[in-house]
Every structure is written in C-alpha cells, then in structure tokens.
C-alpha cells in the first residue's frame, strides 16, 4: 500500500514528503508511512467490528445468516451413480525377470 501511495499525489505521498523534509531518510519515511497505513487499517477494522457487534447478530460461523439449521431435507444428499467413488487401484501382474548374459 505504501509503495502505491508514493506513485501518485495522495495523502500518503504528502505525509512521506513531510517526513523527508523533517530530516528522515527515505527508509525511515517509508517506515512511518507504513505504520500510519497499518494504524488506519486497524482502526477501520476495529470500527467495523464494534459497529457489527452492536447492530447485527451473527451465526456460529461469524457470518450473518449462518446458523446451525440446515435448509436441506436430509443430512446426506442423494448420490447418483456418477458421484460414487471409483474402485481401488488396478492389480498389476508381476513381470518375469530378464535373463542376464553370461
């Protein structure tokens, strides 16, 4: 994300340029930008988590609409003949040993 931010005139590029003007090296300024972006992503994820916990109820899998009740009529679906497993591996016949020349 940080590298892409530097390609175009974005807030990230302006932040990087401010850090460089403050005396940071390119690597230090890049590290600061990466930290700023990771903090932004974390705050966004945390905000989504908190908002989701308050407004929606999730199922056991953590996704809305995921509950333990199945819409299928039975526990095992019907298996057609083309869905059945194939038989085990073919039996190979042992070969006779080759005679060696004396």
N, C-alpha and C. Protein backbone atom coordinates (compact mmCIF):
# COMPACT_ATOMS: atom_id res chain seq x y z
N UNK A 1 0.83 -1.18 0.00
CA UNK A 1 0.00 0.00 0.00
C UNK A 1 0.87 1.25 0.00
N UNK A 2 1.93 1.21 0.77
CA UNK A 2 2.77 2.40 0.89
C UNK A 2 3.44 2.73 -0.44
N UNK A 3 3.90 1.73 -1.15
CA UNK A 3 4.55 1.96 -2.43
C UNK A 3 3.58 2.56 -3.43
N UNK A 4 2.36 2.08 -3.46
CA UNK A 4 1.35 2.60 -4.37
C UNK A 4 1.01 4.04 -3.99
N UNK A 5 0.97 4.34 -2.71
CA UNK A 5 0.69 5.70 -2.25
C UNK A 5 1.73 6.69 -2.78
N UNK A 6 2.96 6.24 -2.93
CA UNK A 6 4.03 7.15 -3.38
C UNK A 6 3.99 7.42 -4.88
N UNK A 7 3.29 6.62 -5.65
CA UNK A 7 3.26 6.78 -7.10
C UNK A 7 2.45 7.98 -7.57
N UNK A 8 1.43 8.33 -6.82
CA UNK A 8 0.54 9.42 -7.23
C UNK A 8 0.43 10.44 -6.11
N UNK A 9 -0.02 11.65 -6.41
CA UNK A 9 -0.13 12.67 -5.36
C UNK A 9 -1.32 12.39 -4.44
N UNK A 10 -1.08 11.64 -3.39
CA UNK A 10 -2.12 11.27 -2.42
C UNK A 10 -1.73 11.81 -1.05
N UNK A 11 -2.58 11.57 -0.07
CA UNK A 11 -2.26 11.97 1.30
C UNK A 11 -1.01 11.24 1.79
N UNK A 12 -0.86 9.99 1.36
CA UNK A 12 0.32 9.22 1.74
C UNK A 12 1.60 9.83 1.18
N UNK A 13 1.54 10.30 -0.06
CA UNK A 13 2.71 10.94 -0.67
C UNK A 13 3.05 12.24 0.07
N UNK A 14 2.03 13.01 0.43
CA UNK A 14 2.26 14.26 1.16
C UNK A 14 2.87 13.97 2.53
N UNK A 15 2.40 12.92 3.20
CA UNK A 15 2.94 12.53 4.50
C UNK A 15 4.41 12.12 4.36
N UNK A 16 4.71 11.31 3.34
CA UNK A 16 6.08 10.88 3.07
C UNK A 16 6.98 12.10 2.83
N UNK A 17 6.52 13.03 2.02
CA UNK A 17 7.31 14.23 1.71
C UNK A 17 7.53 15.08 2.96
N UNK A 18 6.54 15.18 3.84
CA UNK A 18 6.71 15.92 5.09
C UNK A 18 7.76 15.27 5.98
N UNK A 19 7.75 13.94 6.03
CA UNK A 19 8.74 13.22 6.85
C UNK A 19 10.15 13.42 6.29
N UNK A 20 10.25 13.39 4.97
CA UNK A 20 11.56 13.61 4.32
C UNK A 20 12.05 15.03 4.61
N UNK A 21 11.14 16.01 4.55
CA UNK A 21 11.51 17.40 4.82
C UNK A 21 11.90 17.59 6.29
N UNK A 22 11.40 16.74 7.16
CA UNK A 22 11.72 16.82 8.58
C UNK A 22 13.07 16.18 8.89
N UNK A 23 13.74 15.65 7.88
CA UNK A 23 15.07 15.09 8.08
C UNK A 23 15.15 13.58 8.12
N UNK A 24 14.07 12.89 7.88
CA UNK A 24 14.09 11.42 7.87
C UNK A 24 14.71 10.94 6.56
N UNK A 25 15.33 9.77 6.60
CA UNK A 25 15.81 9.16 5.37
C UNK A 25 14.62 8.55 4.64
N UNK A 26 14.84 8.13 3.40
CA UNK A 26 13.74 7.53 2.63
C UNK A 26 13.20 6.29 3.32
N UNK A 27 14.08 5.46 3.85
CA UNK A 27 13.64 4.24 4.53
C UNK A 27 12.85 4.56 5.80
N UNK A 28 13.31 5.57 6.55
CA UNK A 28 12.59 5.96 7.76
C UNK A 28 11.22 6.54 7.43
N UNK A 29 11.17 7.38 6.40
CA UNK A 29 9.90 7.97 5.98
C UNK A 29 8.94 6.89 5.50
N UNK A 30 9.46 5.89 4.78
CA UNK A 30 8.63 4.78 4.30
C UNK A 30 8.10 3.98 5.49
N UNK A 31 8.94 3.76 6.49
CA UNK A 31 8.51 3.03 7.68
C UNK A 31 7.39 3.79 8.39
N UNK A 32 7.51 5.12 8.48
CA UNK A 32 6.47 5.94 9.10
C UNK A 32 5.16 5.84 8.32
N UNK A 33 5.27 5.88 6.99
CA UNK A 33 4.07 5.77 6.15
C UNK A 33 3.41 4.41 6.31
N UNK A 34 4.20 3.35 6.35
CA UNK A 34 3.64 2.01 6.54
C UNK A 34 2.94 1.90 7.89
N UNK A 35 3.53 2.48 8.92
CA UNK A 35 2.92 2.45 10.25
C UNK A 35 1.60 3.23 10.24
N UNK A 36 1.60 4.38 9.58
CA UNK A 36 0.38 5.18 9.51
C UNK A 36 -0.73 4.42 8.79
N UNK A 37 -0.39 3.75 7.69
CA UNK A 37 -1.38 2.98 6.94
C UNK A 37 -1.88 1.79 7.75
N UNK A 38 -0.99 1.10 8.45
CA UNK A 38 -1.43 -0.05 9.25
C UNK A 38 -2.32 0.40 10.39
N UNK A 39 -2.03 1.55 10.99
CA UNK A 39 -2.90 2.08 12.04
C UNK A 39 -4.28 2.42 11.48
N UNK A 40 -4.32 2.99 10.28
CA UNK A 40 -5.59 3.33 9.64
C UNK A 40 -6.42 2.08 9.35
N UNK A 41 -5.77 1.05 8.83
CA UNK A 41 -6.47 -0.20 8.54
C UNK A 41 -6.99 -0.83 9.84
N UNK A 42 -6.16 -0.82 10.88
CA UNK A 42 -6.58 -1.40 12.16
C UNK A 42 -7.79 -0.65 12.73
N UNK A 43 -7.75 0.68 12.71
CA UNK A 43 -8.87 1.46 13.24
C UNK A 43 -10.14 1.19 12.44
N UNK A 44 -10.00 1.05 11.11
CA UNK A 44 -11.17 0.76 10.27
C UNK A 44 -11.74 -0.62 10.61
N UNK A 45 -10.87 -1.62 10.74
CA UNK A 45 -11.33 -2.96 11.08
C UNK A 45 -11.98 -2.99 12.47
N UNK A 46 -11.38 -2.30 13.42
CA UNK A 46 -11.93 -2.26 14.77
C UNK A 46 -13.29 -1.56 14.77
N UNK A 47 -13.41 -0.48 14.02
CA UNK A 47 -14.69 0.22 13.92
C UNK A 47 -15.76 -0.65 13.30
N UNK A 48 -15.39 -1.39 12.25
CA UNK A 48 -16.35 -2.31 11.62
C UNK A 48 -16.76 -3.41 12.59
N UNK A 49 -15.80 -3.90 13.36
CA UNK A 49 -16.10 -4.96 14.33
C UNK A 49 -17.07 -4.46 15.39
N UNK A 50 -16.78 -3.29 15.95
CA UNK A 50 -17.63 -2.74 17.01
C UNK A 50 -19.02 -2.43 16.46
N UNK A 51 -19.10 -1.82 15.29
CA UNK A 51 -20.39 -1.50 14.69
C UNK A 51 -21.16 -2.78 14.37
N UNK A 52 -20.49 -3.80 13.92
CA UNK A 52 -21.14 -5.07 13.61
C UNK A 52 -21.65 -5.78 14.84
N UNK A 53 -20.90 -5.67 15.95
CA UNK A 53 -21.32 -6.33 17.19
C UNK A 53 -22.56 -5.67 17.75
N UNK A 54 -22.70 -4.38 17.54
CA UNK A 54 -23.84 -3.66 18.11
C UNK A 54 -25.10 -3.86 17.26
N UNK A 55 -24.96 -3.81 15.94
CA UNK A 55 -26.15 -3.77 15.08
C UNK A 55 -26.58 -5.12 14.54
N UNK A 56 -25.70 -6.07 14.38
CA UNK A 56 -26.10 -7.33 13.76
C UNK A 56 -25.73 -8.51 14.65
N UNK A 57 -26.49 -9.56 14.49
CA UNK A 57 -26.22 -10.80 15.20
C UNK A 57 -25.71 -11.79 14.17
N UNK A 58 -24.59 -12.39 14.46
CA UNK A 58 -24.02 -13.34 13.52
C UNK A 58 -24.27 -14.76 14.00
N UNK A 59 -24.15 -15.68 13.06
CA UNK A 59 -24.33 -17.08 13.39
C UNK A 59 -23.08 -17.66 13.99
N UNK A 60 -23.04 -18.97 14.19
CA UNK A 60 -21.89 -19.61 14.82
C UNK A 60 -20.61 -19.49 14.00
N UNK A 61 -20.72 -19.31 12.68
CA UNK A 61 -19.54 -19.18 11.85
C UNK A 61 -19.01 -17.76 11.78
N UNK A 62 -19.68 -16.81 12.43
CA UNK A 62 -19.23 -15.44 12.43
C UNK A 62 -19.77 -14.62 11.28
N UNK A 63 -20.59 -15.21 10.43
CA UNK A 63 -21.15 -14.51 9.29
C UNK A 63 -22.65 -14.38 9.48
N UNK A 64 -23.19 -13.25 9.03
CA UNK A 64 -24.62 -13.06 9.12
C UNK A 64 -25.34 -14.10 8.27
N UNK A 65 -26.41 -14.64 8.77
CA UNK A 65 -27.18 -15.62 8.03
C UNK A 65 -26.67 -17.04 8.18
N UNK A 66 -25.56 -17.23 8.86
CA UNK A 66 -25.01 -18.56 9.06
C UNK A 66 -25.52 -19.10 10.38
N UNK A 67 -26.41 -20.05 10.33
CA UNK A 67 -26.89 -20.66 11.55
C UNK A 67 -26.79 -22.17 11.43
N UNK A 68 -27.06 -22.83 12.50
CA UNK A 68 -26.88 -24.28 12.50
C UNK A 68 -28.04 -25.03 11.87
N UNK A 69 -29.14 -24.35 11.56
CA UNK A 69 -30.26 -25.01 10.91
C UNK A 69 -29.97 -25.18 9.43
N UNK A 70 -30.20 -26.38 8.93
CA UNK A 70 -29.92 -26.65 7.52
C UNK A 70 -31.20 -26.54 6.72
N UNK A 71 -31.08 -26.06 5.49
CA UNK A 71 -32.25 -25.99 4.62
C UNK A 71 -32.40 -27.28 3.81
N UNK A 72 -31.46 -28.19 3.92
CA UNK A 72 -31.55 -29.46 3.21
C UNK A 72 -32.57 -30.37 3.90
N UNK A 73 -33.22 -31.23 3.13
CA UNK A 73 -34.25 -32.10 3.72
C UNK A 73 -33.65 -33.23 4.52
N UNK A 74 -32.48 -33.71 4.14
CA UNK A 74 -31.85 -34.79 4.87
C UNK A 74 -30.42 -34.44 5.21
N UNK A 75 -29.80 -35.27 6.03
CA UNK A 75 -28.43 -34.97 6.42
C UNK A 75 -27.44 -35.31 5.32
N UNK A 76 -27.77 -36.33 4.50
CA UNK A 76 -26.88 -36.72 3.40
C UNK A 76 -27.61 -36.57 2.08
N UNK A 77 -27.04 -35.88 1.12
CA UNK A 77 -27.71 -35.77 -0.18
C UNK A 77 -27.67 -37.09 -0.94
N UNK A 78 -28.60 -37.25 -1.87
CA UNK A 78 -28.63 -38.46 -2.69
C UNK A 78 -27.41 -38.50 -3.58
N UNK A 79 -26.79 -39.66 -3.68
CA UNK A 79 -25.61 -39.82 -4.51
C UNK A 79 -26.00 -40.56 -5.78
N UNK A 80 -25.76 -39.95 -6.92
CA UNK A 80 -26.02 -40.58 -8.20
C UNK A 80 -24.90 -41.55 -8.55
N UNK A 81 -25.10 -42.35 -9.61
CA UNK A 81 -24.09 -43.34 -9.99
C UNK A 81 -22.79 -42.68 -10.44
N UNK A 82 -22.86 -41.47 -10.99
CA UNK A 82 -21.63 -40.83 -11.44
C UNK A 82 -20.87 -40.20 -10.29
N UNK A 83 -21.49 -40.07 -9.10
CA UNK A 83 -20.84 -39.48 -7.96
C UNK A 83 -20.20 -40.51 -7.04
N UNK A 84 -20.39 -41.77 -7.32
CA UNK A 84 -19.84 -42.80 -6.45
C UNK A 84 -18.34 -42.94 -6.68
N UNK A 85 -17.59 -43.32 -5.66
CA UNK A 85 -16.15 -43.45 -5.81
C UNK A 85 -15.78 -44.59 -6.76
N UNK A 86 -14.64 -44.45 -7.35
CA UNK A 86 -14.14 -45.48 -8.25
C UNK A 86 -13.58 -46.63 -7.44
N UNK A 87 -13.47 -47.83 -8.05
CA UNK A 87 -12.88 -48.95 -7.32
C UNK A 87 -11.41 -48.68 -7.05
N UNK A 88 -10.81 -49.51 -6.22
CA UNK A 88 -9.41 -49.36 -5.84
C UNK A 88 -8.46 -49.43 -7.03
N UNK A 89 -7.18 -49.33 -6.78
CA UNK A 89 -6.21 -49.34 -7.88
C UNK A 89 -6.19 -50.68 -8.60
N UNK A 90 -5.83 -50.65 -9.87
CA UNK A 90 -5.76 -51.87 -10.67
C UNK A 90 -4.65 -52.77 -10.15
N UNK A 91 -4.89 -54.07 -10.24
CA UNK A 91 -3.88 -55.04 -9.80
C UNK A 91 -2.94 -55.28 -10.96
N UNK A 92 -1.68 -55.08 -10.74
CA UNK A 92 -0.70 -55.31 -11.80
C UNK A 92 -0.17 -56.73 -11.69
N UNK A 93 0.13 -57.31 -12.82
CA UNK A 93 0.68 -58.66 -12.84
C UNK A 93 2.20 -58.57 -12.78
N UNK A 94 2.82 -59.38 -11.93
CA UNK A 94 4.29 -59.31 -11.84
C UNK A 94 4.93 -59.72 -13.17
N UNK A 95 5.98 -59.04 -13.50
CA UNK A 95 6.71 -59.36 -14.74
C UNK A 95 7.78 -60.40 -14.45
N UNK A 96 8.10 -61.14 -15.49
CA UNK A 96 9.16 -62.13 -15.31
C UNK A 96 10.51 -61.44 -15.38
N UNK A 97 11.46 -61.94 -14.63
CA UNK A 97 12.79 -61.32 -14.60
C UNK A 97 13.51 -61.59 -15.92
N UNK A 98 14.27 -60.63 -16.36
CA UNK A 98 15.04 -60.78 -17.61
C UNK A 98 16.27 -61.65 -17.34
N UNK A 99 16.59 -62.48 -18.28
CA UNK A 99 17.77 -63.31 -18.14
C UNK A 99 19.01 -62.48 -18.43
N UNK A 100 20.04 -62.71 -17.69
CA UNK A 100 21.28 -61.96 -17.90
C UNK A 100 22.23 -62.80 -18.73
N UNK A 101 23.03 -62.14 -19.54
CA UNK A 101 24.01 -62.85 -20.38
C UNK A 101 25.22 -63.24 -19.53
N UNK A 102 25.78 -64.41 -19.81
CA UNK A 102 26.94 -64.90 -19.05
C UNK A 102 28.22 -64.37 -19.60
